[in-house]
Protein backbone atom coordinates (compact mmCIF):
# COMPACT_ATOMS: atom_id res chain seq x y z
CA MET A 1 26.13 -5.58 7.26
CA LEU A 2 22.71 -4.99 8.74
CA HIS A 3 21.88 -6.86 11.91
CA ARG A 4 18.61 -7.18 13.80
CA ARG A 5 19.01 -3.88 15.61
CA HIS A 6 19.62 -2.08 12.30
CA ILE A 7 16.52 -3.57 10.69
CA LEU A 8 14.34 -2.65 13.65
CA SER A 9 15.78 0.83 14.00
CA GLY A 10 15.14 1.44 10.32
CA LEU A 11 11.57 0.24 10.74
CA ALA A 12 10.89 1.98 14.04
CA GLY A 13 9.58 5.13 12.42
CA LEU A 14 7.21 3.08 10.28
CA ALA A 15 5.38 1.40 13.15
CA THR A 16 2.99 4.24 13.93
CA LEU A 17 -0.61 3.05 14.08
CA PRO A 18 -2.99 5.85 15.09
CA THR A 19 -6.17 5.09 16.93
CA LEU A 20 -9.30 6.22 15.17
CA LYS A 21 -9.64 8.88 17.85
CA ALA A 22 -6.45 10.44 16.50
CA ALA A 23 -8.11 11.11 13.16
CA ARG A 24 -9.86 14.44 13.38
CA ALA A 25 -13.62 14.56 13.08
CA ALA A 26 -14.99 15.89 9.81
CA GLU A 27 -15.14 19.66 9.60
CA PRO A 28 -16.13 21.98 6.76
CA GLY A 29 -13.40 23.04 4.38
CA VAL A 30 -10.95 20.30 5.38
CA LEU A 31 -9.68 17.28 3.45
CA ARG A 32 -8.38 14.63 5.86
CA ILE A 33 -5.77 12.45 4.17
CA GLY A 34 -4.52 9.12 5.49
CA TYR A 35 -1.03 8.20 4.35
CA GLN A 36 1.68 5.62 4.87
CA LYS A 37 5.39 6.33 5.10
CA ASN A 38 6.06 5.66 1.44
CA GLY A 39 4.98 6.70 -2.00
CA ILE A 40 3.46 9.64 -3.78
CA LEU A 41 1.43 10.96 -0.87
CA VAL A 42 4.57 11.51 1.20
CA VAL A 43 6.14 13.48 -1.67
CA ALA A 44 2.93 15.48 -2.11
CA LYS A 45 2.89 16.21 1.63
CA GLN A 46 6.48 17.39 1.57
CA GLN A 47 5.77 19.62 -1.43
CA ARG A 48 2.38 20.82 -0.13
CA ALA A 49 1.02 20.06 -3.60
CA ILE A 50 -2.51 19.13 -2.51
CA GLU A 51 -2.69 22.14 -0.20
CA ALA A 52 -1.88 24.40 -3.17
CA ALA A 53 -4.50 22.72 -5.36
CA LEU A 54 -7.25 23.01 -2.73
CA GLU A 55 -6.58 26.55 -1.56
CA PRO A 56 -8.61 28.09 -4.43
CA LEU A 57 -11.51 25.86 -3.36
CA GLY A 58 -11.36 27.18 0.19
CA HIS A 59 -10.02 23.93 1.63
CA ARG A 60 -7.09 23.02 3.80
CA VAL A 61 -5.53 19.61 4.42
CA THR A 62 -4.81 17.56 7.53
CA TRP A 63 -2.68 14.41 7.50
CA VAL A 64 -3.00 11.20 9.54
CA GLU A 65 -0.27 8.55 9.39
CA PHE A 66 -0.94 4.79 9.26
CA SER A 67 1.45 1.84 9.27
CA PHE A 68 -0.37 -0.08 6.54
CA GLY A 69 -3.54 -0.19 4.44
CA PRO A 70 -6.24 -2.04 6.43
CA PRO A 71 -6.30 0.34 9.43
CA LEU A 72 -6.25 3.29 7.02
CA LEU A 73 -9.38 1.99 5.32
CA GLU A 74 -10.99 1.23 8.66
CA ALA A 75 -10.58 4.92 9.46
CA LEU A 76 -12.05 5.80 6.06
CA SER A 77 -15.05 3.56 6.72
CA LEU A 78 -15.63 5.16 10.13
CA ASP A 79 -15.33 8.71 8.75
CA GLY A 80 -12.01 9.30 10.46
CA ILE A 81 -10.40 10.38 7.16
CA ASP A 82 -11.65 11.31 3.68
CA PHE A 83 -8.94 10.03 1.34
CA GLY A 84 -5.90 7.77 1.25
CA GLN A 85 -3.78 5.31 -0.69
CA THR A 86 -3.35 1.54 -0.28
CA GLY A 87 -2.35 -1.52 -2.23
CA ASP A 88 -4.72 -3.90 -3.99
CA ALA A 89 -6.14 -6.10 -1.21
CA PRO A 90 -7.25 -3.60 1.48
CA PRO A 91 -10.12 -2.05 -0.51
CA ILE A 92 -11.40 -5.53 -1.39
CA PHE A 93 -11.60 -6.54 2.26
CA ALA A 94 -13.11 -3.15 3.11
CA GLN A 95 -15.77 -3.39 0.39
CA ALA A 96 -16.61 -6.92 1.54
CA ALA A 97 -17.13 -5.44 5.01
CA LYS A 98 -19.65 -3.01 3.45
CA SER A 99 -17.42 0.06 3.41
CA THR A 100 -18.75 2.84 1.19
CA LEU A 101 -15.33 3.65 -0.25
CA VAL A 102 -14.78 4.56 -3.89
CA TYR A 103 -11.79 4.06 -6.15
CA ALA A 104 -10.73 7.57 -7.19
CA ALA A 105 -7.58 6.71 -9.17
CA ALA A 106 -5.07 3.94 -9.81
CA GLN A 107 -1.30 3.64 -9.81
CA GLU A 108 -0.74 0.68 -12.10
CA ALA A 109 2.14 -1.55 -11.01
CA GLY A 110 2.67 0.91 -8.16
CA GLY A 111 3.19 -1.99 -5.78
CA SER A 112 6.04 -3.49 -7.76
CA GLY A 113 8.40 -2.85 -4.85
CA SER A 114 7.25 -5.97 -3.02
CA GLY A 115 8.63 -9.44 -2.61
CA ILE A 116 9.08 -12.55 -0.54
CA LEU A 117 12.19 -12.47 1.66
CA LEU A 118 14.11 -15.32 3.24
CA PRO A 119 16.10 -14.95 6.47
CA LYS A 120 19.75 -15.77 6.90
CA GLY A 121 20.42 -19.49 6.75
CA SER A 122 17.29 -20.36 4.76
CA THR A 123 17.64 -23.31 2.41
CA LEU A 124 14.55 -22.49 0.34
CA LYS A 125 15.26 -22.21 -3.37
CA SER A 126 11.89 -21.80 -5.09
CA LEU A 127 8.30 -20.83 -4.44
CA ALA A 128 7.40 -24.51 -4.35
CA ASP A 129 9.65 -24.83 -1.29
CA LEU A 130 7.18 -22.71 0.69
CA LYS A 131 5.05 -25.82 1.20
CA GLY A 132 4.65 -26.47 4.92
CA LYS A 133 6.51 -23.27 5.84
CA ARG A 134 5.60 -20.35 8.10
CA VAL A 135 5.00 -17.39 5.79
CA ALA A 136 4.38 -13.99 7.37
CA PHE A 137 2.35 -11.16 5.88
CA ALA A 138 -0.08 -8.49 7.01
CA LYS A 139 -3.67 -9.73 6.86
CA ALA A 140 -5.84 -8.05 4.21
CA SER A 141 -2.81 -6.24 2.79
CA SER A 142 -1.25 -6.34 -0.67
CA ALA A 143 1.27 -8.81 0.80
CA HIS A 144 -1.63 -11.14 1.56
CA ASN A 145 -2.58 -11.09 -2.11
CA LEU A 146 1.02 -11.47 -3.27
CA THR A 147 1.41 -14.54 -1.05
CA VAL A 148 -1.70 -16.16 -2.50
CA ALA A 149 -0.60 -15.34 -6.06
CA ALA A 150 2.86 -16.81 -5.37
CA LEU A 151 1.34 -20.05 -4.12
CA GLU A 152 -0.83 -20.31 -7.22
CA LYS A 153 2.17 -19.71 -9.44
CA ALA A 154 4.00 -22.55 -7.68
CA GLY A 155 1.03 -24.93 -7.96
CA LEU A 156 0.38 -24.75 -4.22
CA THR A 157 -2.73 -23.83 -2.29
CA TYR A 158 -3.27 -21.52 0.66
CA ALA A 159 -3.67 -24.64 2.82
CA ASP A 160 -0.13 -25.71 1.89
CA ILE A 161 1.52 -23.06 4.08
CA GLU A 162 1.20 -21.93 7.67
CA PRO A 163 0.07 -18.29 7.36
CA VAL A 164 1.47 -16.00 10.05
CA THR A 165 -0.47 -12.75 9.96
CA LEU A 166 1.56 -9.94 11.48
CA ALA A 167 1.68 -6.18 11.10
CA PRO A 168 4.86 -5.07 9.31
CA ALA A 169 6.85 -4.03 12.37
CA ASP A 170 5.97 -7.26 14.20
CA ALA A 171 6.86 -9.31 11.14
CA ALA A 172 10.20 -7.51 10.92
CA ALA A 173 10.99 -8.58 14.47
CA ALA A 174 9.95 -12.18 13.78
CA PHE A 175 12.00 -12.20 10.59
CA SER A 176 15.10 -10.91 12.32
CA ARG A 177 14.74 -13.61 15.01
CA GLY A 178 14.41 -16.32 12.37
CA SER A 179 11.06 -17.43 13.77
CA ILE A 180 9.37 -17.36 10.36
CA ASP A 181 10.49 -19.04 7.16
CA ALA A 182 9.55 -16.28 4.73
CA TRP A 183 8.15 -12.76 4.82
CA THR A 184 6.03 -11.15 2.12
CA ILE A 185 6.39 -7.38 2.36
CA TRP A 186 6.41 -4.10 0.44
CA ASP A 187 8.65 -1.05 0.32
CA PRO A 188 10.14 0.58 2.27
CA TYR A 189 10.12 -2.34 4.74
CA TYR A 190 11.26 -4.57 1.87
CA ALA A 191 14.12 -2.27 0.89
CA ILE A 192 15.35 -2.04 4.48
CA ALA A 193 15.16 -5.76 5.23
CA GLU A 194 16.58 -7.04 1.94
CA ALA A 195 19.92 -5.39 2.79
CA GLY A 196 20.20 -7.45 5.96
CA ASP A 197 23.02 -9.91 6.56
CA GLY A 198 22.29 -13.11 4.68
CA VAL A 199 18.79 -12.05 3.59
CA ARG A 200 17.72 -13.39 0.19
CA VAL A 201 14.85 -12.46 -2.12
CA LEU A 202 12.90 -15.60 -3.04
CA ALA A 203 10.71 -13.78 -5.57
CA THR A 204 9.62 -10.25 -6.39
CA ALA A 205 6.20 -8.94 -7.35
CA GLN A 206 7.46 -8.65 -10.92
CA ASP A 207 8.23 -12.38 -10.84
CA ILE A 208 4.77 -13.26 -9.53
CA ALA A 209 2.08 -10.77 -10.56
CA PRO A 210 1.77 -7.01 -11.12
CA GLN A 211 0.46 -5.14 -8.08
CA ASN A 212 -1.57 -1.99 -8.43
CA ASN A 213 -2.00 0.75 -5.86
CA PHE A 214 -5.17 2.77 -5.43
CA PHE A 215 -6.31 6.14 -4.18
CA LEU A 216 -9.53 5.67 -2.21
CA ALA A 217 -12.10 8.15 -0.97
CA GLY A 218 -15.19 8.09 1.15
CA ARG A 219 -18.36 8.09 -0.95
CA SER A 220 -19.56 11.18 0.88
CA LEU A 221 -16.50 13.11 -0.34
CA ALA A 222 -16.97 11.87 -3.90
CA GLU A 223 -20.67 12.76 -3.97
CA GLN A 224 -20.73 15.98 -1.94
CA ARG A 225 -17.33 17.50 -2.87
CA PRO A 226 -16.38 16.04 -6.27
CA ALA A 227 -14.41 19.16 -7.24
CA VAL A 228 -12.24 18.77 -4.14
CA LEU A 229 -11.57 15.10 -4.84
CA SER A 230 -10.84 15.83 -8.50
CA ALA A 231 -8.42 18.62 -7.56
CA ALA A 232 -6.59 16.36 -5.10
CA VAL A 233 -6.24 13.59 -7.69
CA GLY A 234 -5.08 16.12 -10.29
CA ALA A 235 -2.41 17.39 -7.91
CA LEU A 236 -1.21 13.82 -7.33
CA GLU A 237 -1.03 13.16 -11.06
CA ARG A 238 1.29 16.15 -11.38
CA VAL A 239 3.39 14.99 -8.44
CA ALA A 240 3.62 11.52 -10.03
CA ALA A 241 4.85 12.99 -13.32
CA TRP A 242 7.49 14.97 -11.41
CA CYS A 243 8.55 11.84 -9.49
CA THR A 244 9.15 9.93 -12.71
CA GLN A 245 11.58 12.59 -13.91
CA ASN A 246 13.31 13.36 -10.59
CA ARG A 247 13.99 10.08 -8.81
CA GLY A 248 17.05 11.34 -6.96
CA GLU A 249 15.07 14.21 -5.45
CA VAL A 250 12.17 11.86 -4.71
CA ALA A 251 14.47 9.61 -2.69
CA ALA A 252 15.79 12.58 -0.74
CA LEU A 253 12.28 13.88 0.00
CA LEU A 254 11.02 10.47 1.07
CA SER A 255 14.02 9.81 3.28
CA GLN A 256 13.64 13.23 4.88
CA GLY A 257 9.90 12.77 5.36
CA THR A 258 9.99 9.22 6.71
CA GLY A 259 13.34 8.74 8.42
CA VAL A 260 14.05 5.66 6.29
CA PRO A 261 17.77 5.48 5.37
CA LEU A 262 18.53 7.07 2.02
CA ALA A 263 20.12 3.95 0.52
CA ALA A 264 16.98 1.88 1.19
CA THR A 265 14.76 4.69 -0.06
CA ARG A 266 16.72 4.88 -3.30
CA ARG A 267 16.20 1.15 -3.91
CA ALA A 268 12.47 1.59 -3.36
CA VAL A 269 12.24 4.64 -5.61
CA ASP A 270 14.20 3.01 -8.43
CA ARG A 271 11.68 0.16 -8.76
CA THR A 272 8.50 2.24 -8.44
CA ASP A 273 6.22 3.17 -11.33
CA TYR A 274 4.73 6.52 -10.36
CA VAL A 275 2.13 7.01 -13.09
CA ILE A 276 -1.38 7.76 -11.80
CA GLY A 277 -4.50 7.44 -13.92
CA PRO A 278 -8.22 6.71 -13.77
CA MET A 279 -9.72 3.33 -13.02
CA THR A 280 -9.73 1.77 -16.47
CA PRO A 281 -11.75 -1.36 -17.30
CA ARG A 282 -8.47 -3.33 -17.36
CA VAL A 283 -7.48 -2.21 -13.88
CA ALA A 284 -10.98 -2.83 -12.52
CA ALA A 285 -11.00 -6.32 -14.07
CA ALA A 286 -7.63 -7.13 -12.47
CA GLN A 287 -8.95 -5.97 -9.11
CA GLN A 288 -12.12 -8.01 -9.59
CA ALA A 289 -10.02 -11.13 -10.23
CA ILE A 290 -8.29 -10.61 -6.88
CA ALA A 291 -11.65 -10.16 -5.15
CA ASP A 292 -12.94 -13.37 -6.73
CA ARG A 293 -9.81 -15.21 -5.59
CA PHE A 294 -10.25 -14.06 -2.00
CA HIS A 295 -13.91 -15.05 -2.00
CA ALA A 296 -13.11 -18.49 -3.42
CA LEU A 297 -10.64 -18.97 -0.58
CA LYS A 298 -13.28 -17.80 1.92
CA LEU A 299 -10.99 -14.97 3.00
CA ILE A 300 -13.79 -12.46 2.47
CA PRO A 301 -17.35 -13.24 3.61
CA ARG A 302 -19.22 -12.39 0.44
CA PRO A 303 -18.63 -11.71 -3.26
CA ILE A 304 -18.21 -8.08 -4.28
CA ARG A 305 -18.37 -6.06 -7.49
CA VAL A 306 -15.40 -3.73 -7.77
CA ALA A 307 -17.23 -1.80 -10.52
CA ASP A 308 -19.82 -0.72 -7.94
CA ALA A 309 -17.12 1.30 -6.16
CA VAL A 310 -15.45 2.97 -9.15
CA TRP A 311 -15.78 6.76 -9.14
CA THR A 312 -16.03 8.75 -12.36
CA ALA A 313 -14.40 12.14 -12.06
CA PRO A 314 -16.30 15.16 -13.34
CA ALA A 315 -15.17 16.43 -16.72
CA ARG A 316 -12.34 18.94 -16.53
CA ASN A 317 -12.52 22.28 -18.28
CA GLY A 318 -10.02 23.26 -20.93
């Protein structure tokens, strides 16, 4: 059985939140990548796949770790990094804050490893039971969107719950203490916590709504170094194809690269769709619907057009 100390020790390595000063200033011939301790970017980092793709272009790569999406995109907006990956909500909040980010590629259903967890002793049985409850999630994250979508599915409104906005590591501590009624979270935090003593899954992302992941870049990178951005995305597409066919090795690489226990990493890997592709009209429309939802709830200050931030890669030879 996993107790509080096991949950927190498993999450300890995921709590890193660099200051913007830690992100290196822009320098010629360098691609600065922001990453979280999960997903394709970690595998690519372990395999040095992007480094290999950019070497012929005279570029090297530096890596900056973030604990979740919003601070990563803050760094992108402030020119602390050039490129990174997040879930669906962070780029919407960033664009509403007038970030000049662009969507470089999409990982459809890449956020499927997310859900709403209940602590030991909870009597909640359905999403409708969230009414009046303290629900924790990271503000402006994909978990924020999943919470809102879950409430809609249950016929509830955002005003029907008591939102508790906490960074993942802080939410893990609150969850283990039983001081919140539910926790909306993504892998690998989700995979670690769901194995805890008495923990139950109220609903998964698959039960509620598909969640896409995105690879984002600064507009300056997209406009001034499109070949570099295209090469990085191409490398990630190849890594994604490899991940689909080698899930056991993916789990081992991720566990080695993040310090997350192998059993939890395997659960996360098994429910991940690794396919990467361009921003199709369908994906952009789904993202626009989320943006419209957040604006209607007054969670973002102004309406945005996702299409304004979609990057079109230069045609590839061959």
